[in-house]
Amino acid sequence: MELGVDLVEIARVKSLARRNPKFLTRVFSASEIVYCKAKKNPWPHFAVRFAAKEAVYKALGKAEVPLTAISVSRGRDGRPSVKINGRPVRGLKLSLSHGREHAIAFALRAS
């Protein structure tokens, strides 16, 4: 099994996006941007997706997978799911959480 974890400061993601308007489109898929912007406060949702991308990247151990290729969404059951280049990743479990200041993600890949 491979484990990936990442912790992100929500304010940092918000600051990056405000300083660099292209940040969101460079990091997030169109569907992720639509999902997050539909929320009253989108920043925790962007931050937790950023953390998820990093955690998935670490769990996969593949330097050739750019963050932009990783897309996080919610399944019908509400659980987070991951696609890489539009394809579901089998054998990967993802857990996301955020509070007022931080967002965290755990990714576990069965070997």
PDB file of N, CA and C in Angstrom:
ATOM      1  N   MET A   1       0.832  -1.174   0.000  1.00  0.00           N
ATOM      2  CA  MET A   1       0.000   0.000   0.000  1.00  0.00           C
ATOM      3  C   MET A   1       0.879   1.241   0.000  1.00  0.00           C
ATOM      4  N   GLU A   2       0.392   2.246  -0.673  1.00  0.00           N
ATOM      5  CA  GLU A   2       1.084   3.538  -0.715  1.00  0.00           C
ATOM      6  C   GLU A   2       0.165   4.599  -0.134  1.00  0.00           C
ATOM      7  N   LEU A   3       0.729   5.464   0.688  1.00  0.00           N
ATOM      8  CA  LEU A   3      -0.041   6.507   1.356  1.00  0.00           C
ATOM      9  C   LEU A   3       0.476   7.874   0.930  1.00  0.00           C
ATOM     10  N   GLY A   4      -0.453   8.791   0.702  1.00  0.00           N
ATOM     11  CA  GLY A   4      -0.107  10.180   0.439  1.00  0.00           C
ATOM     12  C   GLY A   4      -0.960  11.058   1.331  1.00  0.00           C
ATOM     13  N   VAL A   5      -0.377  12.094   1.884  1.00  0.00           N
ATOM     14  CA  VAL A   5      -1.121  13.024   2.741  1.00  0.00           C
ATOM     15  C   VAL A   5      -0.632  14.433   2.450  1.00  0.00           C
ATOM     16  N   ASP A   6      -1.532  15.397   2.544  1.00  0.00           N
ATOM     17  CA  ASP A   6      -1.139  16.782   2.363  1.00  0.00           C
ATOM     18  C   ASP A   6      -2.041  17.686   3.186  1.00  0.00           C
ATOM     19  N   LEU A   7      -1.451  18.713   3.774  1.00  0.00           N
ATOM     20  CA  LEU A   7      -2.152  19.706   4.579  1.00  0.00           C
ATOM     21  C   LEU A   7      -1.930  21.063   3.921  1.00  0.00           C
ATOM     22  N   VAL A   8      -3.017  21.812   3.725  1.00  0.00           N
ATOM     23  CA  VAL A   8      -2.949  23.092   3.023  1.00  0.00           C
ATOM     24  C   VAL A   8      -3.620  24.174   3.858  1.00  0.00           C
ATOM     25  N   GLU A   9      -3.007  25.350   3.884  1.00  0.00           N
ATOM     26  CA  GLU A   9      -3.623  26.506   4.517  1.00  0.00           C
ATOM     27  C   GLU A   9      -4.612  27.117   3.525  1.00  0.00           C
ATOM     28  N   ILE A  10      -5.862  27.246   3.930  1.00  0.00           N
ATOM     29  CA  ILE A  10      -6.901  27.788   3.055  1.00  0.00           C
ATOM     30  C   ILE A  10      -6.558  29.211   2.628  1.00  0.00           C
ATOM     31  N   ALA A  11      -6.070  30.027   3.542  1.00  0.00           N
ATOM     32  CA  ALA A  11      -5.723  31.416   3.223  1.00  0.00           C
ATOM     33  C   ALA A  11      -4.630  31.491   2.160  1.00  0.00           C
ATOM     34  N   ARG A  12      -3.733  30.536   2.144  1.00  0.00           N
ATOM     35  CA  ARG A  12      -2.653  30.526   1.150  1.00  0.00           C
ATOM     36  C   ARG A  12      -3.214  30.303  -0.252  1.00  0.00           C
ATOM     37  N   VAL A  13      -4.151  29.362  -0.383  1.00  0.00           N
ATOM     38  CA  VAL A  13      -4.770  29.101  -1.678  1.00  0.00           C
ATOM     39  C   VAL A  13      -5.542  30.334  -2.147  1.00  0.00           C
ATOM     40  N   LYS A  14      -6.272  30.936  -1.241  1.00  0.00           N
ATOM     41  CA  LYS A  14      -7.029  32.149  -1.570  1.00  0.00           C
ATOM     42  C   LYS A  14      -6.087  33.262  -2.025  1.00  0.00           C
ATOM     43  N   SER A  15      -4.992  33.444  -1.323  1.00  0.00           N
ATOM     44  CA  SER A  15      -4.016  34.472  -1.660  1.00  0.00           C
ATOM     45  C   SER A  15      -3.379  34.215  -3.025  1.00  0.00           C
ATOM     46  N   LEU A  16      -3.001  32.983  -3.292  1.00  0.00           N
ATOM     47  CA  LEU A  16      -2.416  32.631  -4.588  1.00  0.00           C
ATOM     48  C   LEU A  16      -3.386  32.939  -5.727  1.00  0.00           C
ATOM     49  N   ALA A  17      -4.644  32.590  -5.535  1.00  0.00           N
ATOM     50  CA  ALA A  17      -5.648  32.809  -6.573  1.00  0.00           C
ATOM     51  C   ALA A  17      -5.896  34.303  -6.797  1.00  0.00           C
ATOM     52  N   ARG A  18      -5.865  35.074  -5.756  1.00  0.00           N
ATOM     53  CA  ARG A  18      -6.107  36.522  -5.891  1.00  0.00           C
ATOM     54  C   ARG A  18      -4.917  37.241  -6.510  1.00  0.00           C
ATOM     55  N   ARG A  19      -3.709  36.787  -6.194  1.00  0.00           N
ATOM     56  CA  ARG A  19      -2.504  37.416  -6.771  1.00  0.00           C
ATOM     57  C   ARG A  19      -2.285  37.019  -8.215  1.00  0.00           C
ATOM     58  N   ASN A  20      -2.662  35.789  -8.554  1.00  0.00           N
ATOM     59  CA  ASN A  20      -2.441  35.277  -9.901  1.00  0.00           C
ATOM     60  C   ASN A  20      -3.752  34.712 -10.438  1.00  0.00           C
ATOM     61  N   PRO A  21      -4.473  35.465 -11.239  1.00  0.00           N
ATOM     62  CA  PRO A  21      -5.776  35.024 -11.740  1.00  0.00           C
ATOM     63  C   PRO A  21      -5.743  33.701 -12.516  1.00  0.00           C
ATOM     64  N   LYS A  22      -4.600  33.341 -13.067  1.00  0.00           N
ATOM     65  CA  LYS A  22      -4.496  32.086 -13.829  1.00  0.00           C
ATOM     66  C   LYS A  22      -4.240  30.868 -12.944  1.00  0.00           C
ATOM     67  N   PHE A  23      -4.005  31.095 -11.658  1.00  0.00           N
ATOM     68  CA  PHE A  23      -3.712  29.998 -10.742  1.00  0.00           C
ATOM     69  C   PHE A  23      -4.793  28.915 -10.789  1.00  0.00           C
ATOM     70  N   LEU A  24      -6.049  29.322 -10.703  1.00  0.00           N
ATOM     71  CA  LEU A  24      -7.143  28.337 -10.671  1.00  0.00           C
ATOM     72  C   LEU A  24      -7.157  27.469 -11.919  1.00  0.00           C
ATOM     73  N   THR A  25      -7.024  28.070 -13.101  1.00  0.00           N
ATOM     74  CA  THR A  25      -7.081  27.282 -14.339  1.00  0.00           C
ATOM     75  C   THR A  25      -5.811  26.468 -14.567  1.00  0.00           C
ATOM     76  N   ARG A  26      -4.737  26.832 -13.918  1.00  0.00           N
ATOM     77  CA  ARG A  26      -3.494  26.053 -14.037  1.00  0.00           C
ATOM     78  C   ARG A  26      -3.490  24.833 -13.137  1.00  0.00           C
ATOM     79  N   VAL A  27      -4.291  24.880 -12.080  1.00  0.00           N
ATOM     80  CA  VAL A  27      -4.261  23.801 -11.092  1.00  0.00           C
ATOM     81  C   VAL A  27      -5.519  22.934 -11.126  1.00  0.00           C
ATOM     82  N   PHE A  28      -6.674  23.540 -11.383  1.00  0.00           N
ATOM     83  CA  PHE A  28      -7.945  22.832 -11.259  1.00  0.00           C
ATOM     84  C   PHE A  28      -8.610  22.617 -12.612  1.00  0.00           C
ATOM     85  N   SER A  29      -9.357  21.518 -12.701  1.00  0.00           N
ATOM     86  CA  SER A  29     -10.128  21.245 -13.914  1.00  0.00           C
ATOM     87  C   SER A  29     -11.336  22.184 -13.961  1.00  0.00           C
ATOM     88  N   ALA A  30     -11.936  22.295 -15.125  1.00  0.00           N
ATOM     89  CA  ALA A  30     -13.111  23.161 -15.278  1.00  0.00           C
ATOM     90  C   ALA A  30     -14.231  22.727 -14.340  1.00  0.00           C
ATOM     91  N   SER A  31     -14.434  21.418 -14.198  1.00  0.00           N
ATOM     92  CA  SER A  31     -15.514  20.933 -13.327  1.00  0.00           C
ATOM     93  C   SER A  31     -15.208  21.221 -11.850  1.00  0.00           C
ATOM     94  N   GLU A  32     -13.943  21.164 -11.460  1.00  0.00           N
ATOM     95  CA  GLU A  32     -13.571  21.501 -10.082  1.00  0.00           C
ATOM     96  C   GLU A  32     -13.829  22.985  -9.803  1.00  0.00           C
ATOM     97  N   ILE A  33     -13.511  23.826 -10.760  1.00  0.00           N
ATOM     98  CA  ILE A  33     -13.720  25.269 -10.592  1.00  0.00           C
ATOM     99  C   ILE A  33     -15.207  25.580 -10.471  1.00  0.00           C
ATOM    100  N   VAL A  34     -16.016  24.966 -11.326  1.00  0.00           N
ATOM    101  CA  VAL A  34     -17.465  25.185 -11.264  1.00  0.00           C
ATOM    102  C   VAL A  34     -18.006  24.728  -9.913  1.00  0.00           C
ATOM    103  N   TYR A  35     -17.604  23.541  -9.456  1.00  0.00           N
ATOM    104  CA  TYR A  35     -18.071  23.007  -8.172  1.00  0.00           C
ATOM    105  C   TYR A  35     -17.709  23.953  -7.026  1.00  0.00           C
ATOM    106  N   CYS A  36     -16.445  24.355  -6.960  1.00  0.00           N
ATOM    107  CA  CYS A  36     -15.987  25.189  -5.846  1.00  0.00           C
ATOM    108  C   CYS A  36     -16.624  26.574  -5.874  1.00  0.00           C
ATOM    109  N   LYS A  37     -16.718  27.175  -7.038  1.00  0.00           N
ATOM    110  CA  LYS A  37     -17.292  28.519  -7.136  1.00  0.00           C
ATOM    111  C   LYS A  37     -18.788  28.540  -6.826  1.00  0.00           C
ATOM    112  N   ALA A  38     -19.444  27.397  -6.897  1.00  0.00           N
ATOM    113  CA  ALA A  38     -20.868  27.321  -6.577  1.00  0.00           C
ATOM    114  C   ALA A  38     -21.107  27.367  -5.062  1.00  0.00           C
ATOM    115  N   LYS A  39     -20.058  27.204  -4.282  1.00  0.00           N
ATOM    116  CA  LYS A  39     -20.168  27.226  -2.822  1.00  0.00           C
ATOM    117  C   LYS A  39     -20.156  28.664  -2.307  1.00  0.00           C
ATOM    118  N   LYS A  40     -20.804  28.886  -1.175  1.00  0.00           N
ATOM    119  CA  LYS A  40     -20.844  30.221  -0.563  1.00  0.00           C
ATOM    120  C   LYS A  40     -19.428  30.736  -0.304  1.00  0.00           C
ATOM    121  N   ASN A  41     -18.585  29.881   0.242  1.00  0.00           N
ATOM    122  CA  ASN A  41     -17.172  30.192   0.455  1.00  0.00           C
ATOM    123  C   ASN A  41     -16.368  29.135  -0.305  1.00  0.00           C
ATOM    124  N   PRO A  42     -15.881  29.448  -1.489  1.00  0.00           N
ATOM    125  CA  PRO A  42     -15.213  28.435  -2.313  1.00  0.00           C
ATOM    126  C   PRO A  42     -13.819  28.035  -1.846  1.00  0.00           C
ATOM    127  N   TRP A  43     -13.182  28.846  -1.023  1.00  0.00           N
ATOM    128  CA  TRP A  43     -11.764  28.622  -0.713  1.00  0.00           C
ATOM    129  C   TRP A  43     -11.466  27.333   0.030  1.00  0.00           C
ATOM    130  N   PRO A  44     -12.251  26.906   1.020  1.00  0.00           N
ATOM    131  CA  PRO A  44     -11.969  25.603   1.632  1.00  0.00           C
ATOM    132  C   PRO A  44     -12.088  24.455   0.619  1.00  0.00           C
ATOM    133  N   HIS A  45     -12.971  24.593  -0.338  1.00  0.00           N
ATOM    134  CA  HIS A  45     -13.182  23.546  -1.338  1.00  0.00           C
ATOM    135  C   HIS A  45     -12.024  23.496  -2.340  1.00  0.00           C
ATOM    136  N   PHE A  46     -11.533  24.668  -2.730  1.00  0.00           N
ATOM    137  CA  PHE A  46     -10.334  24.697  -3.575  1.00  0.00           C
ATOM    138  C   PHE A  46      -9.145  24.126  -2.813  1.00  0.00           C
ATOM    139  N   ALA A  47      -8.996  24.530  -1.557  1.00  0.00           N
ATOM    140  CA  ALA A  47      -7.842  24.086  -0.762  1.00  0.00           C
ATOM    141  C   ALA A  47      -7.843  22.573  -0.552  1.00  0.00           C
ATOM    142  N   VAL A  48      -9.007  22.005  -0.257  1.00  0.00           N
ATOM    143  CA  VAL A  48      -9.038  20.561  -0.015  1.00  0.00           C
ATOM    144  C   VAL A  48      -8.785  19.793  -1.314  1.00  0.00           C
ATOM    145  N   ARG A  49      -9.192  20.334  -2.441  1.00  0.00           N
ATOM    146  CA  ARG A  49      -8.894  19.684  -3.724  1.00  0.00           C
ATOM    147  C   ARG A  49      -7.412  19.797  -4.061  1.00  0.00           C
ATOM    148  N   PHE A  50      -6.820  20.927  -3.713  1.00  0.00           N
ATOM    149  CA  PHE A  50      -5.384  21.067  -3.907  1.00  0.00           C
ATOM    150  C   PHE A  50      -4.637  20.041  -3.050  1.00  0.00           C
ATOM    151  N   ALA A  51      -5.042  19.914  -1.798  1.00  0.00           N
ATOM    152  CA  ALA A  51      -4.427  18.921  -0.907  1.00  0.00           C
ATOM    153  C   ALA A  51      -4.632  17.511  -1.458  1.00  0.00           C
ATOM    154  N   ALA A  52      -5.810  17.240  -1.998  1.00  0.00           N
ATOM    155  CA  ALA A  52      -6.096  15.917  -2.556  1.00  0.00           C
ATOM    156  C   ALA A  52      -5.184  15.612  -3.736  1.00  0.00           C
ATOM    157  N   LYS A  53      -4.983  16.589  -4.603  1.00  0.00           N
ATOM    158  CA  LYS A  53      -4.097  16.382  -5.751  1.00  0.00           C
ATOM    159  C   LYS A  53      -2.686  16.027  -5.290  1.00  0.00           C
ATOM    160  N   GLU A  54      -2.203  16.748  -4.286  1.00  0.00           N
ATOM    161  CA  GLU A  54      -0.870  16.473  -3.749  1.00  0.00           C
ATOM    162  C   GLU A  54      -0.814  15.085  -3.098  1.00  0.00           C
ATOM    163  N   ALA A  55      -1.842  14.735  -2.342  1.00  0.00           N
ATOM    164  CA  ALA A  55      -1.868  13.430  -1.677  1.00  0.00           C
ATOM    165  C   ALA A  55      -1.920  12.300  -2.700  1.00  0.00           C
ATOM    166  N   VAL A  56      -2.720  12.454  -3.740  1.00  0.00           N
ATOM    167  CA  VAL A  56      -2.806  11.438  -4.802  1.00  0.00           C
ATOM    168  C   VAL A  56      -1.464  11.319  -5.506  1.00  0.00           C
ATOM    169  N   TYR A  57      -0.870  12.443  -5.820  1.00  0.00           N
ATOM    170  CA  TYR A  57       0.446  12.465  -6.457  1.00  0.00           C
ATOM    171  C   TYR A  57       1.462  11.668  -5.636  1.00  0.00           C
ATOM    172  N   LYS A  58       1.450  11.895  -4.332  1.00  0.00           N
ATOM    173  CA  LYS A  58       2.382  11.194  -3.440  1.00  0.00           C
ATOM    174  C   LYS A  58       2.066   9.699  -3.369  1.00  0.00           C
ATOM    175  N   ALA A  59       0.788   9.341  -3.281  1.00  0.00           N
ATOM    176  CA  ALA A  59       0.399   7.932  -3.181  1.00  0.00           C
ATOM    177  C   ALA A  59       0.741   7.164  -4.454  1.00  0.00           C
ATOM    178  N   LEU A  60       0.622   7.817  -5.581  1.00  0.00           N
ATOM    179  CA  LEU A  60       0.936   7.158  -6.852  1.00  0.00           C
ATOM    180  C   LEU A  60       2.434   7.067  -7.087  1.00  0.00           C
ATOM    181  N   GLY A  61       3.189   7.987  -6.480  1.00  0.00           N
ATOM    182  CA  GLY A  61       4.640   7.960  -6.638  1.00  0.00           C
ATOM    183  C   GLY A  61       5.080   8.145  -8.069  1.00  0.00           C
ATOM    184  N   LYS A  62       4.307   8.892  -8.844  1.00  0.00           N
ATOM    185  CA  LYS A  62       4.613   9.066 -10.265  1.00  0.00           C
ATOM    186  C   LYS A  62       4.891  10.527 -10.561  1.00  0.00           C
ATOM    187  N   ALA A  63       6.136  10.846 -10.803  1.00  0.00           N
ATOM    188  CA  ALA A  63       6.510  12.222 -11.096  1.00  0.00           C
ATOM    189  C   ALA A  63       5.946  12.687 -12.435  1.00  0.00           C
ATOM    190  N   GLU A  64       5.598  11.745 -13.312  1.00  0.00           N
ATOM    191  CA  GLU A  64       5.112  12.138 -14.635  1.00  0.00           C
ATOM    192  C   GLU A  64       3.629  12.502 -14.652  1.00  0.00           C
ATOM    193  N   VAL A  65       2.958  12.458 -13.509  1.00  0.00           N
ATOM    194  CA  VAL A  65       1.541  12.837 -13.426  1.00  0.00           C
ATOM    195  C   VAL A  65       1.467  14.271 -12.901  1.00  0.00           C
ATOM    196  N   PRO A  66       1.172  15.240 -13.778  1.00  0.00           N
ATOM    197  CA  PRO A  66       1.056  16.615 -13.294  1.00  0.00           C
ATOM    198  C   PRO A  66      -0.224  16.824 -12.484  1.00  0.00           C
ATOM    199  N   LEU A  67      -0.197  17.801 -11.600  1.00  0.00           N
ATOM    200  CA  LEU A  67      -1.373  18.080 -10.772  1.00  0.00           C
ATOM    201  C   LEU A  67      -2.593  18.401 -11.629  1.00  0.00           C
ATOM    202  N   THR A  68      -2.382  19.036 -12.763  1.00  0.00           N
ATOM    203  CA  THR A  68      -3.511  19.394 -13.631  1.00  0.00           C
ATOM    204  C   THR A  68      -4.208  18.172 -14.221  1.00  0.00           C
ATOM    205  N   ALA A  69      -3.525  17.030 -14.258  1.00  0.00           N
ATOM    206  CA  ALA A  69      -4.137  15.808 -14.791  1.00  0.00           C
ATOM    207  C   ALA A  69      -5.027  15.127 -13.751  1.00  0.00           C
ATOM    208  N   ILE A  70      -4.855  15.485 -12.484  1.00  0.00           N
ATOM    209  CA  ILE A  70      -5.619  14.889 -11.383  1.00  0.00           C
ATOM    210  C   ILE A  70      -6.863  15.730 -11.131  1.00  0.00           C
ATOM    211  N   SER A  71      -8.018  15.086 -11.173  1.00  0.00           N
ATOM    212  CA  SER A  71      -9.282  15.782 -10.938  1.00  0.00           C
ATOM    213  C   SER A  71     -10.053  15.084  -9.824  1.00  0.00           C
ATOM    214  N   VAL A  72     -10.536  15.868  -8.879  1.00  0.00           N
ATOM    215  CA  VAL A  72     -11.260  15.341  -7.723  1.00  0.00           C
ATOM    216  C   VAL A  72     -12.729  15.736  -7.843  1.00  0.00           C
ATOM    217  N   SER A  73     -13.601  14.763  -7.637  1.00  0.00           N
ATOM    218  CA  SER A  73     -15.040  15.043  -7.665  1.00  0.00           C
ATOM    219  C   SER A  73     -15.721  14.232  -6.574  1.00  0.00           C
ATOM    220  N   ARG A  74     -17.015  14.439  -6.448  1.00  0.00           N
ATOM    221  CA  ARG A  74     -17.807  13.683  -5.481  1.00  0.00           C
ATOM    222  C   ARG A  74     -18.667  12.686  -6.243  1.00  0.00           C
ATOM    223  N   GLY A  75     -18.702  11.473  -5.736  1.00  0.00           N
ATOM    224  CA  GLY A  75     -19.554  10.454  -6.335  1.00  0.00           C
ATOM    225  C   GLY A  75     -20.998  10.647  -5.926  1.00  0.00           C
ATOM    226  N   ARG A  76     -21.863   9.843  -6.459  1.00  0.00           N
ATOM    227  CA  ARG A  76     -23.290   9.921  -6.114  1.00  0.00           C
ATOM    228  C   ARG A  76     -23.527   9.709  -4.631  1.00  0.00           C
ATOM    229  N   ASP A  77     -22.661   8.924  -4.010  1.00  0.00           N
ATOM    230  CA  ASP A  77     -22.790   8.647  -2.578  1.00  0.00           C
ATOM    231  C   ASP A  77     -22.131   9.724  -1.710  1.00  0.00           C
ATOM    232  N   GLY A  78     -21.564  10.753  -2.343  1.00  0.00           N
ATOM    233  CA  GLY A  78     -20.921  11.836  -1.619  1.00  0.00           C
ATOM    234  C   GLY A  78     -19.444  11.619  -1.349  1.00  0.00           C
ATOM    235  N   ARG A  79     -18.947  10.436  -1.643  1.00  0.00           N
ATOM    236  CA  ARG A  79     -17.525  10.153  -1.410  1.00  0.00           C
ATOM    237  C   ARG A  79     -16.666  10.788  -2.503  1.00  0.00           C
ATOM    238  N   PRO A  80     -15.479  11.249  -2.121  1.00  0.00           N
ATOM    239  CA  PRO A  80     -14.597  11.825  -3.140  1.00  0.00           C
ATOM    240  C   PRO A  80     -14.044  10.732  -4.046  1.00  0.00           C
ATOM    241  N   SER A  81     -13.871  11.079  -5.299  1.00  0.00           N
ATOM    242  CA  SER A  81     -13.262  10.158  -6.256  1.00  0.00           C
ATOM    243  C   SER A  81     -12.231  10.913  -7.075  1.00  0.00           C
ATOM    244  N   VAL A  82     -11.352  10.160  -7.699  1.00  0.00           N
ATOM    245  CA  VAL A  82     -10.243  10.746  -8.436  1.00  0.00           C
ATOM    246  C   VAL A  82     -10.228  10.215  -9.865  1.00  0.00           C
ATOM    247  N   LYS A  83      -9.927  11.133 -10.781  1.00  0.00           N
ATOM    248  CA  LYS A  83      -9.683  10.759 -12.177  1.00  0.00           C
ATOM    249  C   LYS A  83      -8.343  11.365 -12.572  1.00  0.00           C
ATOM    250  N   ILE A  84      -7.631  10.615 -13.387  1.00  0.00           N
ATOM    251  CA  ILE A  84      -6.397  11.124 -13.972  1.00  0.00           C
ATOM    252  C   ILE A  84      -6.605  11.136 -15.477  1.00  0.00           C
ATOM    253  N   ASN A  85      -6.467  12.316 -16.040  1.00  0.00           N
ATOM    254  CA  ASN A  85      -6.735  12.513 -17.467  1.00  0.00           C
ATOM    255  C   ASN A  85      -8.113  11.978 -17.850  1.00  0.00           C
ATOM    256  N   GLY A  86      -9.091  12.189 -16.971  1.00  0.00           N
ATOM    257  CA  GLY A  86     -10.463  11.799 -17.263  1.00  0.00           C
ATOM    258  C   GLY A  86     -10.804  10.352 -16.982  1.00  0.00           C
ATOM    259  N   ARG A  87      -9.852   9.569 -16.533  1.00  0.00           N
ATOM    260  CA  ARG A  87     -10.093   8.143 -16.255  1.00  0.00           C
ATOM    261  C   ARG A  87     -10.075   7.880 -14.751  1.00  0.00           C
ATOM    262  N   PRO A  88     -11.061   7.112 -14.266  1.00  0.00           N
ATOM    263  CA  PRO A  88     -11.078   6.785 -12.824  1.00  0.00           C
ATOM    264  C   PRO A  88      -9.820   6.016 -12.422  1.00  0.00           C
ATOM    265  N   VAL A  89      -9.365   6.263 -11.206  1.00  0.00           N
ATOM    266  CA  VAL A  89      -8.200   5.561 -10.675  1.00  0.00           C
ATOM    267  C   VAL A  89      -8.705   4.424  -9.803  1.00  0.00           C
ATOM    268  N   ARG A  90      -8.445   3.220 -10.197  1.00  0.00           N
ATOM    269  CA  ARG A  90      -8.890   2.052  -9.439  1.00  0.00           C
ATOM    270  C   ARG A  90      -7.942   1.778  -8.274  1.00  0.00           C
ATOM    271  N   GLY A  91      -8.513   1.299  -7.178  1.00  0.00           N
ATOM    272  CA  GLY A  91      -7.707   0.930  -6.018  1.00  0.00           C
ATOM    273  C   GLY A  91      -7.184   2.104  -5.223  1.00  0.00           C
ATOM    274  N   LEU A  92      -7.766   3.276  -5.424  1.00  0.00           N
ATOM    275  CA  LEU A  92      -7.329   4.457  -4.690  1.00  0.00           C
ATOM    276  C   LEU A  92      -8.472   4.962  -3.824  1.00  0.00           C
ATOM    277  N   LYS A  93      -8.212   5.098  -2.543  1.00  0.00           N
ATOM    278  CA  LYS A  93      -9.189   5.636  -1.590  1.00  0.00           C
ATOM    279  C   LYS A  93      -8.744   7.035  -1.208  1.00  0.00           C
ATOM    280  N   LEU A  94      -9.707   7.919  -1.066  1.00  0.00           N
ATOM    281  CA  LEU A  94      -9.403   9.303  -0.772  1.00  0.00           C
ATOM    282  C   LEU A  94     -10.286   9.792   0.361  1.00  0.00           C
ATOM    283  N   SER A  95      -9.687  10.521   1.296  1.00  0.00           N
ATOM    284  CA  SER A  95     -10.438  11.130   2.388  1.00  0.00           C
ATOM    285  C   SER A  95     -10.064  12.599   2.453  1.00  0.00           C
ATOM    286  N   LEU A  96     -11.091  13.471   2.515  1.00  0.00           N
ATOM    287  CA  LEU A  96     -10.887  14.913   2.528  1.00  0.00           C
ATOM    288  C   LEU A  96     -11.549  15.525   3.750  1.00  0.00           C
ATOM    289  N   SER A  97     -10.937  16.577   4.279  1.00  0.00           N
ATOM    290  CA  SER A  97     -11.550  17.297   5.387  1.00  0.00           C
ATOM    291  C   SER A  97     -11.000  18.716   5.400  1.00  0.00           C
ATOM    292  N   HIS A  98     -11.827  19.649   5.877  1.00  0.00           N
ATOM    293  CA  HIS A  98     -11.343  21.017   6.046  1.00  0.00           C
ATOM    294  C   HIS A  98     -12.051  21.667   7.216  1.00  0.00           C
ATOM    295  N   GLY A  99     -11.341  22.600   7.808  1.00  0.00           N
ATOM    296  CA  GLY A  99     -11.882  23.402   8.900  1.00  0.00           C
ATOM    297  C   GLY A  99     -11.843  24.858   8.476  1.00  0.00           C
ATOM    298  N   ARG A 100     -11.696  25.743   9.427  1.00  0.00           N
ATOM    299  CA  ARG A 100     -11.666  27.175   9.108  1.00  0.00           C
ATOM    300  C   ARG A 100     -10.349  27.615   8.479  1.00  0.00           C
ATOM    301  N   GLU A 101      -9.262  26.988   8.894  1.00  0.00           N
ATOM    302  CA  GLU A 101      -7.942  27.447   8.452  1.00  0.00           C
ATOM    303  C   GLU A 101      -7.185  26.464   7.573  1.00  0.00           C
ATOM    304  N   HIS A 102      -7.468  25.169   7.721  1.00  0.00           N
ATOM    305  CA  HIS A 102      -6.694  24.161   7.012  1.00  0.00           C
ATOM    306  C   HIS A 102      -7.583  23.156   6.284  1.00  0.00           C
ATOM    307  N   ALA A 103      -6.989  22.570   5.260  1.00  0.00           N
ATOM    308  CA  ALA A 103      -7.633  21.470   4.538  1.00  0.00           C
ATOM    309  C   ALA A 103      -6.619  20.340   4.473  1.00  0.00           C
ATOM    310  N   ILE A 104      -7.122  19.098   4.603  1.00  0.00           N
ATOM    311  CA  ILE A 104      -6.230  17.949   4.603  1.00  0.00           C
ATOM    312  C   ILE A 104      -6.820  16.848   3.724  1.00  0.00           C
ATOM    313  N   ALA A 105      -5.924  16.093   3.120  1.00  0.00           N
ATOM    314  CA  ALA A 105      -6.361  14.975   2.285  1.00  0.00           C
ATOM    315  C   ALA A 105      -5.417  13.795   2.502  1.00  0.00           C
ATOM    316  N   PHE A 106      -6.029  12.615   2.531  1.00  0.00           N
ATOM    317  CA  PHE A 106      -5.302  11.358   2.600  1.00  0.00           C
ATOM    318  C   PHE A 106      -5.658  10.538   1.373  1.00  0.00           C
ATOM    319  N   ALA A 107      -4.669   9.960   0.732  1.00  0.00           N
ATOM    320  CA  ALA A 107      -4.894   9.072  -0.405  1.00  0.00           C
ATOM    321  C   ALA A 107      -4.183   7.760  -0.101  1.00  0.00           C
ATOM    322  N   LEU A 108      -4.893   6.669  -0.286  1.00  0.00           N
ATOM    323  CA  LEU A 108      -4.340   5.338  -0.031  1.00  0.00           C
ATOM    324  C   LEU A 108      -4.532   4.500  -1.281  1.00  0.00           C
ATOM    325  N   ARG A 109      -3.427   3.950  -1.774  1.00  0.00           N
ATOM    326  CA  ARG A 109      -3.474   3.123  -2.978  1.00  0.00           C
ATOM    327  C   ARG A 109      -3.076   1.704  -2.622  1.00  0.00           C
ATOM    328  N   ALA A 110      -3.936   0.780  -2.991  1.00  0.00           N
ATOM    329  CA  ALA A 110      -3.626  -0.633  -2.791  1.00  0.00           C
ATOM    330  C   ALA A 110      -2.571  -1.049  -3.812  1.00  0.00           C
ATOM    331  N   SER A 111      -1.578  -1.786  -3.375  1.00  0.00           N
ATOM    332  CA  SER A 111      -0.515  -2.225  -4.285  1.00  0.00           C
ATOM    333  C   SER A 111      -0.969  -3.337  -5.187  1.00  0.00           C
TER     334      SER A 111
END
